Amino acid sequence: YGRAETDEFNNVICTVGEHDESKPTLLLDAHLD
């Protein structure tokens, strides 16, 4: 669904689709541990 990467803390972060600078950014969080 977008650009996904795992950081050094084992968080997985995904930027979904193309971002529009005129729109606010919504963070959807769920924990994987």
PDB file of all heavy atoms in Angstrom:
ATOM      1  N   TYR A   1       0.805  -1.221   0.000  1.00  0.00           N
ATOM      2  CA  TYR A   1       0.000   0.000   0.000  1.00  0.00           C
ATOM      3  C   TYR A   1       0.839   1.272   0.000  1.00  0.00           C
ATOM      4  O   TYR A   1       0.274   2.368  -0.074  1.00  0.00           O
ATOM      5  CB  TYR A   1      -0.926  -0.003   1.223  1.00  0.00           C
ATOM      6  CG  TYR A   1      -1.714  -1.279   1.332  1.00  0.00           C
ATOM      7  CD1 TYR A   1      -1.367  -2.250   2.268  1.00  0.00           C
ATOM      8  CD2 TYR A   1      -2.770  -1.540   0.468  1.00  0.00           C
ATOM      9  CE1 TYR A   1      -2.072  -3.438   2.348  1.00  0.00           C
ATOM     10  CE2 TYR A   1      -3.481  -2.733   0.544  1.00  0.00           C
ATOM     11  CZ  TYR A   1      -3.123  -3.679   1.484  1.00  0.00           C
ATOM     12  OH  TYR A   1      -3.813  -4.866   1.553  1.00  0.00           O
ATOM     13  N   GLY A   2       2.152   1.146   0.077  1.00  0.00           N
ATOM     14  CA  GLY A   2       2.992   2.335   0.073  1.00  0.00           C
ATOM     15  C   GLY A   2       4.423   1.998   0.424  1.00  0.00           C
ATOM     16  O   GLY A   2       4.846   0.837   0.379  1.00  0.00           O
ATOM     17  N   ARG A   3       5.177   3.008   0.790  1.00  0.00           N
ATOM     18  CA  ARG A   3       6.590   2.838   1.143  1.00  0.00           C
ATOM     19  C   ARG A   3       6.682   2.418   2.612  1.00  0.00           C
ATOM     20  O   ARG A   3       6.382   3.221   3.514  1.00  0.00           O
ATOM     21  CB  ARG A   3       7.356   4.143   0.899  1.00  0.00           C
ATOM     22  CG  ARG A   3       7.299   4.616  -0.537  1.00  0.00           C
ATOM     23  CD  ARG A   3       8.124   5.869  -0.777  1.00  0.00           C
ATOM     24  NE  ARG A   3       7.685   6.992   0.040  1.00  0.00           N
ATOM     25  CZ  ARG A   3       6.634   7.745  -0.242  1.00  0.00           C
ATOM     26  NH1 ARG A   3       5.896   7.488  -1.314  1.00  0.00           N
ATOM     27  NH2 ARG A   3       6.300   8.765   0.527  1.00  0.00           N
ATOM     28  N   ALA A   4       7.096   1.200   2.845  1.00  0.00           N
ATOM     29  CA  ALA A   4       7.158   0.655   4.202  1.00  0.00           C
ATOM     30  C   ALA A   4       8.602   0.379   4.588  1.00  0.00           C
ATOM     31  O   ALA A   4       9.405  -0.072   3.760  1.00  0.00           O
ATOM     32  CB  ALA A   4       6.341  -0.628   4.309  1.00  0.00           C
ATOM     33  N   GLU A   5       8.923   0.664   5.842  1.00  0.00           N
ATOM     34  CA  GLU A   5      10.269   0.401   6.341  1.00  0.00           C
ATOM     35  C   GLU A   5      10.204   0.075   7.829  1.00  0.00           C
ATOM     36  O   GLU A   5       9.276   0.490   8.529  1.00  0.00           O
ATOM     37  CB  GLU A   5      11.172   1.619   6.120  1.00  0.00           C
ATOM     38  CG  GLU A   5      10.687   2.879   6.819  1.00  0.00           C
ATOM     39  CD  GLU A   5      11.595   4.074   6.582  1.00  0.00           C
ATOM     40  OE1 GLU A   5      12.563   3.931   5.809  1.00  0.00           O
ATOM     41  OE2 GLU A   5      11.344   5.127   7.182  1.00  0.00           O
ATOM     42  N   THR A   6      11.188  -0.676   8.284  1.00  0.00           N
ATOM     43  CA  THR A   6      11.299  -1.034   9.700  1.00  0.00           C
ATOM     44  C   THR A   6      12.481  -0.294  10.294  1.00  0.00           C
ATOM     45  O   THR A   6      13.588  -0.346   9.752  1.00  0.00           O
ATOM     46  CB  THR A   6      11.494  -2.550   9.873  1.00  0.00           C
ATOM     47  OG1 THR A   6      10.395  -3.240   9.266  1.00  0.00           O
ATOM     48  CG2 THR A   6      11.570  -2.926  11.347  1.00  0.00           C
ATOM     49  N   ASP A   7      12.256   0.410  11.415  1.00  0.00           N
ATOM     50  CA  ASP A   7      13.345   1.180  12.010  1.00  0.00           C
ATOM     51  C   ASP A   7      14.120   0.343  13.022  1.00  0.00           C
ATOM     52  O   ASP A   7      13.845  -0.852  13.219  1.00  0.00           O
ATOM     53  CB  ASP A   7      12.818   2.481  12.630  1.00  0.00           C
ATOM     54  CG  ASP A   7      11.933   2.257  13.860  1.00  0.00           C
ATOM     55  OD1 ASP A   7      11.922   1.142  14.426  1.00  0.00           O
ATOM     56  OD2 ASP A   7      11.243   3.218  14.265  1.00  0.00           O
ATOM     57  N   GLU A   8      15.091   0.952  13.681  1.00  0.00           N
ATOM     58  CA  GLU A   8      15.952   0.236  14.619  1.00  0.00           C
ATOM     59  C   GLU A   8      15.197  -0.237  15.858  1.00  0.00           C
ATOM     60  O   GLU A   8      15.678  -1.083  16.608  1.00  0.00           O
ATOM     61  CB  GLU A   8      17.119   1.146  15.045  1.00  0.00           C
ATOM     62  CG  GLU A   8      18.114   1.443  13.940  1.00  0.00           C
ATOM     63  CD  GLU A   8      18.782   0.179  13.430  1.00  0.00           C
ATOM     64  OE1 GLU A   8      19.119  -0.694  14.246  1.00  0.00           O
ATOM     65  OE2 GLU A   8      18.940   0.052  12.205  1.00  0.00           O
ATOM     66  N   PHE A   9      13.997   0.283  16.065  1.00  0.00           N
ATOM     67  CA  PHE A   9      13.194  -0.068  17.232  1.00  0.00           C
ATOM     68  C   PHE A   9      12.176  -1.157  16.920  1.00  0.00           C
ATOM     69  O   PHE A   9      11.332  -1.472  17.746  1.00  0.00           O
ATOM     70  CB  PHE A   9      12.473   1.199  17.722  1.00  0.00           C
ATOM     71  CG  PHE A   9      12.695   1.493  19.178  1.00  0.00           C
ATOM     72  CD1 PHE A   9      13.963   1.517  19.723  1.00  0.00           C
ATOM     73  CD2 PHE A   9      11.625   1.762  20.017  1.00  0.00           C
ATOM     74  CE1 PHE A   9      14.168   1.797  21.059  1.00  0.00           C
ATOM     75  CE2 PHE A   9      11.816   2.048  21.357  1.00  0.00           C
ATOM     76  CZ  PHE A   9      13.089   2.066  21.879  1.00  0.00           C
ATOM     77  N   ASN A  10      12.234  -1.693  15.686  1.00  0.00           N
ATOM     78  CA  ASN A  10      11.273  -2.681  15.184  1.00  0.00           C
ATOM     79  C   ASN A  10       9.882  -2.090  14.958  1.00  0.00           C
ATOM     80  O   ASN A  10       8.889  -2.820  14.883  1.00  0.00           O
ATOM     81  CB  ASN A  10      11.163  -3.907  16.101  1.00  0.00           C
ATOM     82  CG  ASN A  10      12.398  -4.770  16.074  1.00  0.00           C
ATOM     83  OD1 ASN A  10      13.075  -4.864  15.041  1.00  0.00           O
ATOM     84  ND2 ASN A  10      12.730  -5.393  17.189  1.00  0.00           N
ATOM     85  N   ASN A  11       9.791  -0.762  14.865  1.00  0.00           N
ATOM     86  CA  ASN A  11       8.559  -0.147  14.386  1.00  0.00           C
ATOM     87  C   ASN A  11       8.493  -0.290  12.874  1.00  0.00           C
ATOM     88  O   ASN A  11       9.501  -0.113  12.178  1.00  0.00           O
ATOM     89  CB  ASN A  11       8.540   1.355  14.701  1.00  0.00           C
ATOM     90  CG  ASN A  11       8.459   1.646  16.183  1.00  0.00           C
ATOM     91  OD1 ASN A  11       7.581   1.166  16.870  1.00  0.00           O
ATOM     92  ND2 ASN A  11       9.398   2.454  16.677  1.00  0.00           N
ATOM     93  N   VAL A  12       7.304  -0.587  12.351  1.00  0.00           N
ATOM     94  CA  VAL A  12       7.096  -0.610  10.904  1.00  0.00           C
ATOM     95  C   VAL A  12       6.255   0.613  10.538  1.00  0.00           C
ATOM     96  O   VAL A  12       5.149   0.780  11.048  1.00  0.00           O
ATOM     97  CB  VAL A  12       6.393  -1.897  10.444  1.00  0.00           C
ATOM     98  CG1 VAL A  12       6.266  -1.914   8.921  1.00  0.00           C
ATOM     99  CG2 VAL A  12       7.161  -3.129  10.912  1.00  0.00           C
ATOM    100  N   ILE A  13       6.805   1.462   9.676  1.00  0.00           N
ATOM    101  CA  ILE A  13       6.154   2.711   9.288  1.00  0.00           C
ATOM    102  C   ILE A  13       5.882   2.688   7.796  1.00  0.00           C
ATOM    103  O   ILE A  13       6.774   2.373   7.004  1.00  0.00           O
ATOM    104  CB  ILE A  13       7.030   3.928   9.642  1.00  0.00           C
ATOM    105  CG1 ILE A  13       7.329   3.953  11.151  1.00  0.00           C
ATOM    106  CG2 ILE A  13       6.360   5.230   9.201  1.00  0.00           C
ATOM    107  CD1 ILE A  13       8.380   4.971  11.551  1.00  0.00           C
ATOM    108  N   CYS A  14       4.652   2.997   7.417  1.00  0.00           N
ATOM    109  CA  CYS A  14       4.276   2.992   5.998  1.00  0.00           C
ATOM    110  C   CYS A  14       3.668   4.329   5.618  1.00  0.00           C
ATOM    111  O   CYS A  14       2.734   4.813   6.283  1.00  0.00           O
ATOM    112  CB  CYS A  14       3.282   1.868   5.720  1.00  0.00           C
ATOM    113  SG  CYS A  14       2.728   1.786   3.997  1.00  0.00           S
ATOM    114  N   THR A  15       4.184   4.924   4.567  1.00  0.00           N
ATOM    115  CA  THR A  15       3.592   6.107   3.952  1.00  0.00           C
ATOM    116  C   THR A  15       2.691   5.611   2.832  1.00  0.00           C
ATOM    117  O   THR A  15       3.166   5.079   1.828  1.00  0.00           O
ATOM    118  CB  THR A  15       4.667   7.046   3.387  1.00  0.00           C
ATOM    119  OG1 THR A  15       5.556   7.427   4.447  1.00  0.00           O
ATOM    120  CG2 THR A  15       4.049   8.286   2.766  1.00  0.00           C
ATOM    121  N   VAL A  16       1.386   5.736   3.027  1.00  0.00           N
ATOM    122  CA  VAL A  16       0.420   5.141   2.104  1.00  0.00           C
ATOM    123  C   VAL A  16       0.202   6.054   0.908  1.00  0.00           C
ATOM    124  O   VAL A  16      -0.170   7.232   1.056  1.00  0.00           O
ATOM    125  CB  VAL A  16      -0.920   4.875   2.814  1.00  0.00           C
ATOM    126  CG1 VAL A  16      -1.941   4.276   1.842  1.00  0.00           C
ATOM    127  CG2 VAL A  16      -0.713   3.944   3.999  1.00  0.00           C
ATOM    128  N   GLY A  17       0.442   5.529  -0.302  1.00  0.00           N
ATOM    129  CA  GLY A  17       0.190   6.275  -1.526  1.00  0.00           C
ATOM    130  C   GLY A  17       1.012   7.546  -1.637  1.00  0.00           C
ATOM    131  O   GLY A  17       2.041   7.720  -0.981  1.00  0.00           O
ATOM    132  N   GLU A  18       0.534   8.446  -2.482  1.00  0.00           N
ATOM    133  CA  GLU A  18       1.192   9.735  -2.676  1.00  0.00           C
ATOM    134  C   GLU A  18       0.613  10.767  -1.714  1.00  0.00           C
ATOM    135  O   GLU A  18      -0.604  10.829  -1.517  1.00  0.00           O
ATOM    136  CB  GLU A  18       1.001  10.209  -4.112  1.00  0.00           C
ATOM    137  CG  GLU A  18       1.647   9.306  -5.142  1.00  0.00           C
ATOM    138  CD  GLU A  18       3.156   9.210  -4.982  1.00  0.00           C
ATOM    139  OE1 GLU A  18       3.772  10.245  -4.631  1.00  0.00           O
ATOM    140  OE2 GLU A  18       3.709   8.119  -5.190  1.00  0.00           O
ATOM    141  N   HIS A  19       1.455  11.560  -1.096  1.00  0.00           N
ATOM    142  CA  HIS A  19       0.992  12.543  -0.129  1.00  0.00           C
ATOM    143  C   HIS A  19       0.772  13.908  -0.772  1.00  0.00           C
ATOM    144  O   HIS A  19       1.549  14.365  -1.608  1.00  0.00           O
ATOM    145  CB  HIS A  19       1.978  12.637   1.040  1.00  0.00           C
ATOM    146  CG  HIS A  19       1.728  11.614   2.089  1.00  0.00           C
ATOM    147  ND1 HIS A  19       1.908  11.848   3.432  1.00  0.00           N
ATOM    148  CD2 HIS A  19       1.266  10.346   1.995  1.00  0.00           C
ATOM    149  CE1 HIS A  19       1.588  10.764   4.121  1.00  0.00           C
ATOM    150  NE2 HIS A  19       1.203   9.848   3.272  1.00  0.00           N
ATOM    151  N   ASP A  20      -0.315  14.524  -0.341  1.00  0.00           N
ATOM    152  CA  ASP A  20      -0.720  15.841  -0.812  1.00  0.00           C
ATOM    153  C   ASP A  20      -0.456  16.842   0.309  1.00  0.00           C
ATOM    154  O   ASP A  20      -1.041  16.745   1.393  1.00  0.00           O
ATOM    155  CB  ASP A  20      -2.211  15.805  -1.171  1.00  0.00           C
ATOM    156  CG  ASP A  20      -2.733  17.135  -1.709  1.00  0.00           C
ATOM    157  OD1 ASP A  20      -2.052  18.157  -1.544  1.00  0.00           O
ATOM    158  OD2 ASP A  20      -3.844  17.129  -2.268  1.00  0.00           O
ATOM    159  N   GLU A  21       0.417  17.812   0.071  1.00  0.00           N
ATOM    160  CA  GLU A  21       0.813  18.766   1.106  1.00  0.00           C
ATOM    161  C   GLU A  21      -0.349  19.610   1.625  1.00  0.00           C
ATOM    162  O   GLU A  21      -0.280  20.177   2.710  1.00  0.00           O
ATOM    163  CB  GLU A  21       1.914  19.691   0.575  1.00  0.00           C
ATOM    164  CG  GLU A  21       3.240  18.988   0.290  1.00  0.00           C
ATOM    165  CD  GLU A  21       3.850  18.386   1.549  1.00  0.00           C
ATOM    166  OE1 GLU A  21       3.694  18.993   2.638  1.00  0.00           O
ATOM    167  OE2 GLU A  21       4.456  17.308   1.445  1.00  0.00           O
ATOM    168  N   SER A  22      -1.437  19.679   0.866  1.00  0.00           N
ATOM    169  CA  SER A  22      -2.585  20.479   1.296  1.00  0.00           C
ATOM    170  C   SER A  22      -3.487  19.734   2.283  1.00  0.00           C
ATOM    171  O   SER A  22      -4.397  20.328   2.859  1.00  0.00           O
ATOM    172  CB  SER A  22      -3.418  20.897   0.076  1.00  0.00           C
ATOM    173  OG  SER A  22      -4.026  19.759  -0.539  1.00  0.00           O
ATOM    174  N   LYS A  23      -3.243  18.436   2.477  1.00  0.00           N
ATOM    175  CA  LYS A  23      -4.083  17.629   3.363  1.00  0.00           C
ATOM    176  C   LYS A  23      -3.371  17.374   4.696  1.00  0.00           C
ATOM    177  O   LYS A  23      -2.146  17.222   4.735  1.00  0.00           O
ATOM    178  CB  LYS A  23      -4.404  16.278   2.719  1.00  0.00           C
ATOM    179  CG  LYS A  23      -5.248  16.335   1.467  1.00  0.00           C
ATOM    180  CD  LYS A  23      -5.471  14.934   0.922  1.00  0.00           C
ATOM    181  CE  LYS A  23      -6.319  14.941  -0.337  1.00  0.00           C
ATOM    182  NZ  LYS A  23      -6.518  13.566  -0.868  1.00  0.00           N
ATOM    183  N   PRO A  24      -4.138  17.276   5.802  1.00  0.00           N
ATOM    184  CA  PRO A  24      -3.528  16.874   7.073  1.00  0.00           C
ATOM    185  C   PRO A  24      -3.136  15.401   7.034  1.00  0.00           C
ATOM    186  O   PRO A  24      -3.675  14.623   6.245  1.00  0.00           O
ATOM    187  CB  PRO A  24      -4.642  17.122   8.097  1.00  0.00           C
ATOM    188  CG  PRO A  24      -5.911  17.073   7.305  1.00  0.00           C
ATOM    189  CD  PRO A  24      -5.573  17.563   5.931  1.00  0.00           C
ATOM    190  N   THR A  25      -2.200  15.029   7.895  1.00  0.00           N
ATOM    191  CA  THR A  25      -1.723  13.643   7.943  1.00  0.00           C
ATOM    192  C   THR A  25      -2.339  12.915   9.125  1.00  0.00           C
ATOM    193  O   THR A  25      -2.254  13.364  10.272  1.00  0.00           O
ATOM    194  CB  THR A  25      -0.183  13.601   8.052  1.00  0.00           C
ATOM    195  OG1 THR A  25       0.381  14.155   6.862  1.00  0.00           O
ATOM    196  CG2 THR A  25       0.314  12.171   8.217  1.00  0.00           C
ATOM    197  N   LEU A  26      -2.967  11.796   8.824  1.00  0.00           N
ATOM    198  CA  LEU A  26      -3.577  10.927   9.831  1.00  0.00           C
ATOM    199  C   LEU A  26      -2.641   9.760  10.118  1.00  0.00           C
ATOM    200  O   LEU A  26      -2.206   9.066   9.189  1.00  0.00           O
ATOM    201  CB  LEU A  26      -4.919  10.406   9.327  1.00  0.00           C
ATOM    202  CG  LEU A  26      -5.549   9.238  10.096  1.00  0.00           C
ATOM    203  CD1 LEU A  26      -5.931   9.648  11.510  1.00  0.00           C
ATOM    204  CD2 LEU A  26      -6.764   8.685   9.340  1.00  0.00           C
ATOM    205  N   LEU A  27      -2.336   9.544  11.383  1.00  0.00           N
ATOM    206  CA  LEU A  27      -1.548   8.389  11.809  1.00  0.00           C
ATOM    207  C   LEU A  27      -2.485   7.296  12.308  1.00  0.00           C
ATOM    208  O   LEU A  27      -3.295   7.518  13.209  1.00  0.00           O
ATOM    209  CB  LEU A  27      -0.577   8.789  12.924  1.00  0.00           C
ATOM    210  CG  LEU A  27       0.150   7.647  13.652  1.00  0.00           C
ATOM    211  CD1 LEU A  27       1.007   6.845  12.683  1.00  0.00           C
ATOM    212  CD2 LEU A  27       0.987   8.181  14.806  1.00  0.00           C
ATOM    213  N   LEU A  28      -2.387   6.109  11.712  1.00  0.00           N
ATOM    214  CA  LEU A  28      -3.110   4.930  12.178  1.00  0.00           C
ATOM    215  C   LEU A  28      -2.101   4.020  12.875  1.00  0.00           C
ATOM    216  O   LEU A  28      -1.164   3.514  12.240  1.00  0.00           O
ATOM    217  CB  LEU A  28      -3.764   4.195  11.008  1.00  0.00           C
ATOM    218  CG  LEU A  28      -4.834   4.961  10.224  1.00  0.00           C
ATOM    219  CD1 LEU A  28      -5.269   4.152   9.001  1.00  0.00           C
ATOM    220  CD2 LEU A  28      -6.025   5.273  11.114  1.00  0.00           C
ATOM    221  N   ASP A  29      -2.294   3.809  14.171  1.00  0.00           N
ATOM    222  CA  ASP A  29      -1.346   3.020  14.957  1.00  0.00           C
ATOM    223  C   ASP A  29      -1.994   1.741  15.465  1.00  0.00           C
ATOM    224  O   ASP A  29      -3.150   1.742  15.897  1.00  0.00           O
ATOM    225  CB  ASP A  29      -0.856   3.833  16.158  1.00  0.00           C
ATOM    226  CG  ASP A  29      -0.135   2.958  17.185  1.00  0.00           C
ATOM    227  OD1 ASP A  29       1.034   2.605  16.943  1.00  0.00           O
ATOM    228  OD2 ASP A  29      -0.768   2.606  18.200  1.00  0.00           O
ATOM    229  N   ALA A  30      -1.240   0.643  15.399  1.00  0.00           N
ATOM    230  CA  ALA A  30      -1.583  -0.599  16.097  1.00  0.00           C
ATOM    231  C   ALA A  30      -0.253  -1.229  16.502  1.00  0.00           C
ATOM    232  O   ALA A  30       0.732  -1.110  15.767  1.00  0.00           O
ATOM    233  CB  ALA A  30      -2.380  -1.551  15.202  1.00  0.00           C
ATOM    234  N   HIS A  31      -0.199  -1.863  17.643  1.00  0.00           N
ATOM    235  CA  HIS A  31       1.102  -2.408  18.055  1.00  0.00           C
ATOM    236  C   HIS A  31       1.247  -3.865  17.615  1.00  0.00           C
ATOM    237  O   HIS A  31       0.282  -4.625  17.577  1.00  0.00           O
ATOM    238  CB  HIS A  31       1.331  -2.233  19.557  1.00  0.00           C
ATOM    239  CG  HIS A  31       0.488  -3.066  20.471  1.00  0.00           C
ATOM    240  ND1 HIS A  31       0.848  -4.332  20.871  1.00  0.00           N
ATOM    241  CD2 HIS A  31      -0.682  -2.798  21.104  1.00  0.00           C
ATOM    242  CE1 HIS A  31      -0.058  -4.809  21.702  1.00  0.00           C
ATOM    243  NE2 HIS A  31      -1.006  -3.903  21.853  1.00  0.00           N
ATOM    244  N   LEU A  32       2.481  -4.220  17.259  1.00  0.00           N
ATOM    245  CA  LEU A  32       2.730  -5.554  16.716  1.00  0.00           C
ATOM    246  C   LEU A  32       3.349  -6.519  17.722  1.00  0.00           C
ATOM    247  O   LEU A  32       3.438  -7.722  17.461  1.00  0.00           O
ATOM    248  CB  LEU A  32       3.612  -5.463  15.458  1.00  0.00           C
ATOM    249  CG  LEU A  32       4.907  -4.646  15.487  1.00  0.00           C
ATOM    250  CD1 LEU A  32       5.993  -5.293  16.292  1.00  0.00           C
ATOM    251  CD2 LEU A  32       5.387  -4.399  14.056  1.00  0.00           C
ATOM    252  N   ASP A  33       3.779  -6.030  18.895  1.00  0.00           N
ATOM    253  CA  ASP A  33       4.394  -6.926  19.872  1.00  0.00           C
ATOM    254  C   ASP A  33       3.326  -7.706  20.628  1.00  0.00           C
ATOM    255  O   ASP A  33       2.141  -7.375  20.593  1.00  0.00           O
ATOM    256  CB  ASP A  33       5.280  -6.146  20.847  1.00  0.00           C
ATOM    257  CG  ASP A  33       4.508  -5.097  21.633  1.00  0.00           C
ATOM    258  OD1 ASP A  33       3.705  -4.370  21.028  1.00  0.00           O
ATOM    259  OD2 ASP A  33       4.699  -5.006  22.865  1.00  0.00           O
TER     260      ASP A  33
END
